[in-house]
PDB file of all heavy atoms in Angstrom:
ATOM      1  N   ILE A   1     104.195  93.715  89.639  1.00  0.00           N
ATOM      2  CA  ILE A   1     103.208  92.749  89.593  1.00  0.00           C
ATOM      3  C   ILE A   1     102.219  93.099  90.681  1.00  0.00           C
ATOM      4  O   ILE A   1     100.961  93.091  90.429  1.00  0.00           O
ATOM      5  CB  ILE A   1     103.760  91.249  89.902  1.00  0.00           C
ATOM      6  CG1 ILE A   1     104.552  90.876  88.736  1.00  0.00           C
ATOM      7  CG2 ILE A   1     102.615  90.300  90.314  1.00  0.00           C
ATOM      8  CD1 ILE A   1     105.295  89.467  88.994  1.00  0.00           C
ATOM      9  N   VAL A   2     102.619  93.478  91.815  1.00  0.00           N
ATOM     10  CA  VAL A   2     101.655  93.870  93.028  1.00  0.00           C
ATOM     11  C   VAL A   2     101.012  95.169  92.496  1.00  0.00           C
ATOM     12  O   VAL A   2      99.757  95.291  92.741  1.00  0.00           O
ATOM     13  CB  VAL A   2     102.552  94.043  94.329  1.00  0.00           C
ATOM     14  CG1 VAL A   2     101.681  94.787  95.283  1.00  0.00           C
ATOM     15  CG2 VAL A   2     103.064  92.777  94.797  1.00  0.00           C
ATOM     16  N   ARG A   3     101.757  96.133  91.951  1.00  0.00           N
ATOM     17  CA  ARG A   3     100.975  97.353  91.510  1.00  0.00           C
ATOM     18  C   ARG A   3      99.873  96.961  90.438  1.00  0.00           C
ATOM     19  O   ARG A   3      98.782  97.528  90.621  1.00  0.00           O
ATOM     20  CB  ARG A   3     102.020  98.316  90.776  1.00  0.00           C
ATOM     21  CG  ARG A   3     102.692  99.213  91.856  1.00  0.00           C
ATOM     22  CD  ARG A   3     103.519 100.271  91.154  1.00  0.00           C
ATOM     23  NE  ARG A   3     104.464 100.729  92.066  1.00  0.00           N
ATOM     24  CZ  ARG A   3     105.803 100.465  92.081  1.00  0.00           C
ATOM     25  NH1 ARG A   3     106.320  99.660  91.098  1.00  0.00           N
ATOM     26  NH2 ARG A   3     106.609 101.089  92.965  1.00  0.00           N
ATOM     27  N   ALA A   4     100.150  96.115  89.507  1.00  0.00           N
ATOM     28  CA  ALA A   4      99.208  95.808  88.542  1.00  0.00           C
ATOM     29  C   ALA A   4      98.010  94.999  89.201  1.00  0.00           C
ATOM     30  O   ALA A   4      96.835  95.341  88.723  1.00  0.00           O
ATOM     31  CB  ALA A   4      99.845  94.877  87.422  1.00  0.00           C
ATOM     32  N   LEU A   5      98.238  94.225  90.154  1.00  0.00           N
ATOM     33  CA  LEU A   5      97.067  93.547  90.816  1.00  0.00           C
ATOM     34  C   LEU A   5      96.267  94.474  91.532  1.00  0.00           C
ATOM     35  O   LEU A   5      94.889  94.415  91.390  1.00  0.00           O
ATOM     36  CB  LEU A   5      97.652  92.391  91.724  1.00  0.00           C
ATOM     37  CG  LEU A   5      98.245  91.205  91.153  1.00  0.00           C
ATOM     38  CD1 LEU A   5      98.894  90.449  92.191  1.00  0.00           C
ATOM     39  CD2 LEU A   5      97.119  90.388  90.526  1.00  0.00           C
ATOM     40  N   PHE A   6      96.781  95.399  92.352  1.00  0.00           N
ATOM     41  CA  PHE A   6      95.936  96.375  92.985  1.00  0.00           C
ATOM     42  C   PHE A   6      95.323  97.395  92.154  1.00  0.00           C
ATOM     43  O   PHE A   6      94.405  97.987  92.530  1.00  0.00           O
ATOM     44  CB  PHE A   6      96.803  97.055  94.096  1.00  0.00           C
ATOM     45  CG  PHE A   6      96.918  96.056  95.447  1.00  0.00           C
ATOM     46  CD1 PHE A   6      98.072  95.336  95.477  1.00  0.00           C
ATOM     47  CD2 PHE A   6      95.916  95.950  96.366  1.00  0.00           C
ATOM     48  CE1 PHE A   6      98.233  94.411  96.507  1.00  0.00           C
ATOM     49  CE2 PHE A   6      96.104  95.149  97.397  1.00  0.00           C
ATOM     50  CZ  PHE A   6      97.273  94.398  97.582  1.00  0.00           C
ATOM     51  N   ALA A   7      95.880  97.600  91.007  1.00  0.00           N
ATOM     52  CA  ALA A   7      95.278  98.549  89.988  1.00  0.00           C
ATOM     53  C   ALA A   7      93.905  98.115  89.507  1.00  0.00           C
ATOM     54  O   ALA A   7      93.058  98.918  89.120  1.00  0.00           O
ATOM     55  CB  ALA A   7      96.277  98.944  88.932  1.00  0.00           C
ATOM     56  N   ARG A   8      93.755  96.726  89.524  1.00  0.00           N
ATOM     57  CA  ARG A   8      92.399  96.251  89.076  1.00  0.00           C
ATOM     58  C   ARG A   8      91.328  96.516  90.058  1.00  0.00           C
ATOM     59  O   ARG A   8      90.090  96.339  89.639  1.00  0.00           O
ATOM     60  CB  ARG A   8      92.526  94.714  88.855  1.00  0.00           C
ATOM     61  CG  ARG A   8      93.587  94.303  87.821  1.00  0.00           C
ATOM     62  CD  ARG A   8      93.681  92.813  87.739  1.00  0.00           C
ATOM     63  NE  ARG A   8      94.588  92.334  86.898  1.00  0.00           N
ATOM     64  CZ  ARG A   8      94.903  91.038  86.717  1.00  0.00           C
ATOM     65  NH1 ARG A   8      94.322  90.246  87.326  1.00  0.00           N
ATOM     66  NH2 ARG A   8      95.812  90.740  85.825  1.00  0.00           N
ATOM     67  N   GLU A   9      91.715  96.884  91.189  1.00  0.00           N
ATOM     68  CA  GLU A   9      90.710  97.199  92.293  1.00  0.00           C
ATOM     69  C   GLU A   9      89.747  95.966  92.682  1.00  0.00           C
ATOM     70  O   GLU A   9      88.751  96.088  93.256  1.00  0.00           O
ATOM     71  CB  GLU A   9      89.891  98.318  92.013  1.00  0.00           C
ATOM     72  CG  GLU A   9      90.649  99.637  91.804  1.00  0.00           C
ATOM     73  CD  GLU A   9      89.842 100.817  91.392  1.00  0.00           C
ATOM     74  OE1 GLU A   9      88.505 100.732  91.583  1.00  0.00           O
ATOM     75  OE2 GLU A   9      90.408 101.846  91.204  1.00  0.00           O
ATOM     76  N   THR A  10      90.259  94.731  92.391  1.00  0.00           N
ATOM     77  CA  THR A  10      89.585  93.505  92.767  1.00  0.00           C
ATOM     78  C   THR A  10      90.451  92.726  93.751  1.00  0.00           C
ATOM     79  O   THR A  10      89.999  91.812  94.407  1.00  0.00           O
ATOM     80  CB  THR A  10      89.298  92.609  91.621  1.00  0.00           C
ATOM     81  OG1 THR A  10      90.572  92.252  90.974  1.00  0.00           O
ATOM     82  CG2 THR A  10      88.272  93.214  90.604  1.00  0.00           C
ATOM     83  N   VAL A  11      91.617  93.137  93.886  1.00  0.00           N
ATOM     84  CA  VAL A  11      92.529  92.584  94.857  1.00  0.00           C
ATOM     85  C   VAL A  11      92.823  93.552  96.127  1.00  0.00           C
ATOM     86  O   VAL A  11      93.075  94.714  95.884  1.00  0.00           O
ATOM     87  CB  VAL A  11      93.975  92.300  94.252  1.00  0.00           C
ATOM     88  CG1 VAL A  11      94.935  91.732  95.221  1.00  0.00           C
ATOM     89  CG2 VAL A  11      93.822  91.309  93.048  1.00  0.00           C
ATOM     90  N   TYR A  12      92.616  92.967  97.246  1.00  0.00           N
ATOM     91  CA  TYR A  12      92.535  93.801  98.499  1.00  0.00           C
ATOM     92  C   TYR A  12      93.687  93.338  99.436  1.00  0.00           C
ATOM     93  O   TYR A  12      94.117  93.957 100.377  1.00  0.00           O
ATOM     94  CB  TYR A  12      91.283  93.783  99.219  1.00  0.00           C
ATOM     95  CG  TYR A  12      90.148  94.413  98.329  1.00  0.00           C
ATOM     96  CD1 TYR A  12      89.384  93.518  97.673  1.00  0.00           C
ATOM     97  CD2 TYR A  12      90.019  95.764  98.182  1.00  0.00           C
ATOM     98  CE1 TYR A  12      88.212  93.967  96.975  1.00  0.00           C
ATOM     99  CE2 TYR A  12      89.026  96.297  97.385  1.00  0.00           C
ATOM    100  CZ  TYR A  12      88.164  95.413  96.782  1.00  0.00           C
ATOM    101  OH  TYR A  12      87.202  95.909  95.943  1.00  0.00           O
ATOM    102  N   GLU A  13      94.165  92.117  99.154  1.00  0.00           N
ATOM    103  CA  GLU A  13      95.225  91.553 100.034  1.00  0.00           C
ATOM    104  C   GLU A  13      96.124  90.663  99.154  1.00  0.00           C
ATOM    105  O   GLU A  13      95.737  90.017  98.236  1.00  0.00           O
ATOM    106  CB  GLU A  13      94.564  90.610 101.025  1.00  0.00           C
ATOM    107  CG  GLU A  13      95.637  90.081 102.030  1.00  0.00           C
ATOM    108  CD  GLU A  13      94.890  89.250 103.250  1.00  0.00           C
ATOM    109  OE1 GLU A  13      93.925  89.959 103.889  1.00  0.00           O
ATOM    110  OE2 GLU A  13      95.086  88.136 103.310  1.00  0.00           O
ATOM    111  N   TYR A  14      97.437  90.737  99.475  1.00  0.00           N
ATOM    112  CA  TYR A  14      98.404  89.978  98.726  1.00  0.00           C
ATOM    113  C   TYR A  14      99.384  89.307  99.637  1.00  0.00           C
ATOM    114  O   TYR A  14      99.974  89.985 100.626  1.00  0.00           O
ATOM    115  CB  TYR A  14      99.216  90.869  97.867  1.00  0.00           C
ATOM    116  CG  TYR A  14     100.320  90.290  96.928  1.00  0.00           C
ATOM    117  CD1 TYR A  14      99.971  89.549  95.914  1.00  0.00           C
ATOM    118  CD2 TYR A  14     101.575  90.381  97.270  1.00  0.00           C
ATOM    119  CE1 TYR A  14     100.917  88.967  95.083  1.00  0.00           C
ATOM    120  CE2 TYR A  14     102.563  89.751  96.523  1.00  0.00           C
ATOM    121  CZ  TYR A  14     102.249  89.066  95.440  1.00  0.00           C
ATOM    122  OH  TYR A  14     103.220  88.459  94.721  1.00  0.00           O
ATOM    123  N   ASP A  15      99.576  87.987  99.493  1.00  0.00           N
ATOM    124  CA  ASP A  15     100.470  87.266 100.467  1.00  0.00           C
ATOM    125  C   ASP A  15     101.881  87.438  99.954  1.00  0.00           C
ATOM    126  O   ASP A  15     102.229  86.873  98.850  1.00  0.00           O
ATOM    127  CB  ASP A  15     100.030  85.828 100.451  1.00  0.00           C
ATOM    128  CG  ASP A  15     100.935  85.058 101.454  1.00  0.00           C
ATOM    129  OD1 ASP A  15     101.910  85.550 101.948  1.00  0.00           O
ATOM    130  OD2 ASP A  15     100.729  83.752 101.458  1.00  0.00           O
ATOM    131  N   MET A  16     102.735  88.117 100.638  1.00  0.00           N
ATOM    132  CA  MET A  16     104.145  88.331 100.127  1.00  0.00           C
ATOM    133  C   MET A  16     105.089  87.302 100.632  1.00  0.00           C
ATOM    134  O   MET A  16     106.226  87.387 100.339  1.00  0.00           O
ATOM    135  CB  MET A  16     104.596  89.669 100.691  1.00  0.00           C
ATOM    136  CG  MET A  16     103.987  90.772 100.150  1.00  0.00           C
ATOM    137  SD  MET A  16     104.721  92.296 100.511  1.00  0.00           S
ATOM    138  CE  MET A  16     103.459  93.666 100.407  1.00  0.00           C
ATOM    139  N   GLY A  17     104.612  86.118 101.105  1.00  0.00           N
ATOM    140  CA  GLY A  17     105.358  85.146 101.500  1.00  0.00           C
ATOM    141  C   GLY A  17     106.047  85.311 102.825  1.00  0.00           C
ATOM    142  O   GLY A  17     105.902  86.252 103.483  1.00  0.00           O
ATOM    143  N   PRO A  18     106.845  84.263 103.357  1.00  0.00           N
ATOM    144  CA  PRO A  18     107.433  84.249 104.578  1.00  0.00           C
ATOM    145  C   PRO A  18     108.594  85.239 104.582  1.00  0.00           C
ATOM    146  O   PRO A  18     109.133  85.622 103.575  1.00  0.00           O
ATOM    147  CB  PRO A  18     107.903  82.937 104.772  1.00  0.00           C
ATOM    148  CG  PRO A  18     108.203  82.458 103.444  1.00  0.00           C
ATOM    149  CD  PRO A  18     107.191  82.972 102.521  1.00  0.00           C
ATOM    150  N   GLY A  19     108.932  85.692 105.839  1.00  0.00           N
ATOM    151  CA  GLY A  19     110.052  86.581 106.036  1.00  0.00           C
ATOM    152  C   GLY A  19     109.789  87.936 106.319  1.00  0.00           C
ATOM    153  O   GLY A  19     108.646  88.560 105.908  1.00  0.00           O
ATOM    154  N   ASP A  20     110.560  88.690 107.045  1.00  0.00           N
ATOM    155  CA  ASP A  20     110.319  90.083 107.424  1.00  0.00           C
ATOM    156  C   ASP A  20     111.283  90.950 106.663  1.00  0.00           C
ATOM    157  O   ASP A  20     112.177  91.501 107.279  1.00  0.00           O
ATOM    158  CB  ASP A  20     110.519  90.284 108.931  1.00  0.00           C
ATOM    159  CG  ASP A  20     109.995  91.502 109.415  1.00  0.00           C
ATOM    160  OD1 ASP A  20     109.183  92.192 108.876  1.00  0.00           O
ATOM    161  OD2 ASP A  20     110.544  91.911 110.544  1.00  0.00           O
ATOM    162  N   ASN A  21     111.075  91.054 105.408  1.00  0.00           N
ATOM    163  CA  ASN A  21     111.858  91.796 104.567  1.00  0.00           C
ATOM    164  C   ASN A  21     111.529  93.264 104.618  1.00  0.00           C
ATOM    165  O   ASN A  21     110.406  93.597 104.726  1.00  0.00           O
ATOM    166  CB  ASN A  21     111.968  91.363 103.142  1.00  0.00           C
ATOM    167  CG  ASN A  21     112.226  89.812 103.017  1.00  0.00           C
ATOM    168  OD1 ASN A  21     111.311  89.072 103.267  1.00  0.00           O
ATOM    169  ND2 ASN A  21     113.469  89.564 102.778  1.00  0.00           N
ATOM    170  N   GLU A  22     112.574  94.156 104.396  1.00  0.00           N
ATOM    171  CA  GLU A  22     112.397  95.586 104.590  1.00  0.00           C
ATOM    172  C   GLU A  22     111.374  96.124 103.540  1.00  0.00           C
ATOM    173  O   GLU A  22     110.510  97.050 103.712  1.00  0.00           O
ATOM    174  CB  GLU A  22     113.655  96.369 104.465  1.00  0.00           C
ATOM    175  CG  GLU A  22     113.573  97.828 104.639  1.00  0.00           C
ATOM    176  CD  GLU A  22     114.874  98.537 104.414  1.00  0.00           C
ATOM    177  OE1 GLU A  22     115.819  97.870 104.795  1.00  0.00           O
ATOM    178  OE2 GLU A  22     114.843  99.719 104.029  1.00  0.00           O
ATOM    179  N   TYR A  23     111.455  95.592 102.236  1.00  0.00           N
ATOM    180  CA  TYR A  23     110.581  96.106 101.183  1.00  0.00           C
ATOM    181  C   TYR A  23     109.211  95.833 101.444  1.00  0.00           C
ATOM    182  O   TYR A  23     108.289  96.643 101.057  1.00  0.00           O
ATOM    183  CB  TYR A  23     111.121  95.523  99.748  1.00  0.00           C
ATOM    184  CG  TYR A  23     110.814  94.111  99.624  1.00  0.00           C
ATOM    185  CD1 TYR A  23     109.498  93.711  99.050  1.00  0.00           C
ATOM    186  CD2 TYR A  23     111.601  93.154  99.921  1.00  0.00           C
ATOM    187  CE1 TYR A  23     109.211  92.410  98.829  1.00  0.00           C
ATOM    188  CE2 TYR A  23     111.322  91.800  99.770  1.00  0.00           C
ATOM    189  CZ  TYR A  23     110.171  91.378  99.254  1.00  0.00           C
ATOM    190  OH  TYR A  23     109.836  90.131  98.973  1.00  0.00           O
ATOM    191  N   LYS A  24     108.860  94.751 102.189  1.00  0.00           N
ATOM    192  CA  LYS A  24     107.515  94.394 102.492  1.00  0.00           C
ATOM    193  C   LYS A  24     106.825  95.569 103.331  1.00  0.00           C
ATOM    194  O   LYS A  24     105.692  95.727 103.189  1.00  0.00           O
ATOM    195  CB  LYS A  24     107.402  93.035 103.165  1.00  0.00           C
ATOM    196  CG  LYS A  24     107.802  91.993 102.162  1.00  0.00           C
ATOM    197  CD  LYS A  24     107.741  90.593 102.882  1.00  0.00           C
ATOM    198  CE  LYS A  24     108.313  89.458 101.974  1.00  0.00           C
ATOM    199  NZ  LYS A  24     108.319  88.207 102.749  1.00  0.00           N
ATOM    200  N   SER A  25     107.566  95.984 104.286  1.00  0.00           N
ATOM    201  CA  SER A  25     107.003  97.010 105.159  1.00  0.00           C
ATOM    202  C   SER A  25     106.797  98.395 104.390  1.00  0.00           C
ATOM    203  O   SER A  25     106.012  99.169 104.791  1.00  0.00           O
ATOM    204  CB  SER A  25     107.847  97.217 106.379  1.00  0.00           C
ATOM    205  OG  SER A  25     109.206  97.639 106.047  1.00  0.00           O
ATOM    206  N   ARG A  26     107.698  98.602 103.413  1.00  0.00           N
ATOM    207  CA  ARG A  26     107.501  99.849 102.621  1.00  0.00           C
ATOM    208  C   ARG A  26     106.235  99.753 101.693  1.00  0.00           C
ATOM    209  O   ARG A  26     105.628 100.735 101.397  1.00  0.00           O
ATOM    210  CB  ARG A  26     108.713 100.046 101.754  1.00  0.00           C
ATOM    211  CG  ARG A  26     109.905 100.496 102.465  1.00  0.00           C
ATOM    212  CD  ARG A  26     110.993 100.999 101.529  1.00  0.00           C
ATOM    213  NE  ARG A  26     111.292 100.197 100.332  1.00  0.00           N
ATOM    214  CZ  ARG A  26     112.314  99.435 100.273  1.00  0.00           C
ATOM    215  NH1 ARG A  26     113.276  99.273 101.152  1.00  0.00           N
ATOM    216  NH2 ARG A  26     112.524  98.593  99.187  1.00  0.00           N
ATOM    217  N   TRP A  27     105.952  98.496 101.293  1.00  0.00           N
ATOM    218  CA  TRP A  27     104.775  98.411 100.332  1.00  0.00           C
ATOM    219  C   TRP A  27     103.432  98.237 101.030  1.00  0.00           C
ATOM    220  O   TRP A  27     102.411  98.385 100.408  1.00  0.00           O
ATOM    221  CB  TRP A  27     104.970  97.121  99.574  1.00  0.00           C
ATOM    222  CG  TRP A  27     106.199  97.162  98.574  1.00  0.00           C
ATOM    223  CD1 TRP A  27     106.913  98.311  98.241  1.00  0.00           C
ATOM    224  CD2 TRP A  27     106.614  96.167  97.730  1.00  0.00           C
ATOM    225  NE1 TRP A  27     107.983  97.976  97.350  1.00  0.00           N
ATOM    226  CE2 TRP A  27     107.762  96.675  97.063  1.00  0.00           C
ATOM    227  CE3 TRP A  27     106.278  94.766  97.513  1.00  0.00           C
ATOM    228  CZ2 TRP A  27     108.457  95.949  96.061  1.00  0.00           C
ATOM    229  CZ3 TRP A  27     106.982  94.049  96.744  1.00  0.00           C
ATOM    230  CH2 TRP A  27     108.078  94.563  96.038  1.00  0.00           C
ATOM    231  N   ALA A  28     103.470  97.764 102.386  1.00  0.00           N
ATOM    232  CA  ALA A  28     102.217  97.521 102.943  1.00  0.00           C
ATOM    233  C   ALA A  28     101.748  98.508 104.055  1.00  0.00           C
ATOM    234  O   ALA A  28     102.636  99.146 104.577  1.00  0.00           O
ATOM    235  CB  ALA A  28     102.336  96.100 103.643  1.00  0.00           C
TER     236      ALA A  28
END
C-alpha cells in the first residue's frame, strides 16, 4: 500500500501510526 501511494508521486509523507517498530525504520 505504501509503495503504491508513493508511486503516484503525490504523496510525500505517510503516517505509519504509533510505535517504534523495526519495519518502519527500514521503510523511512
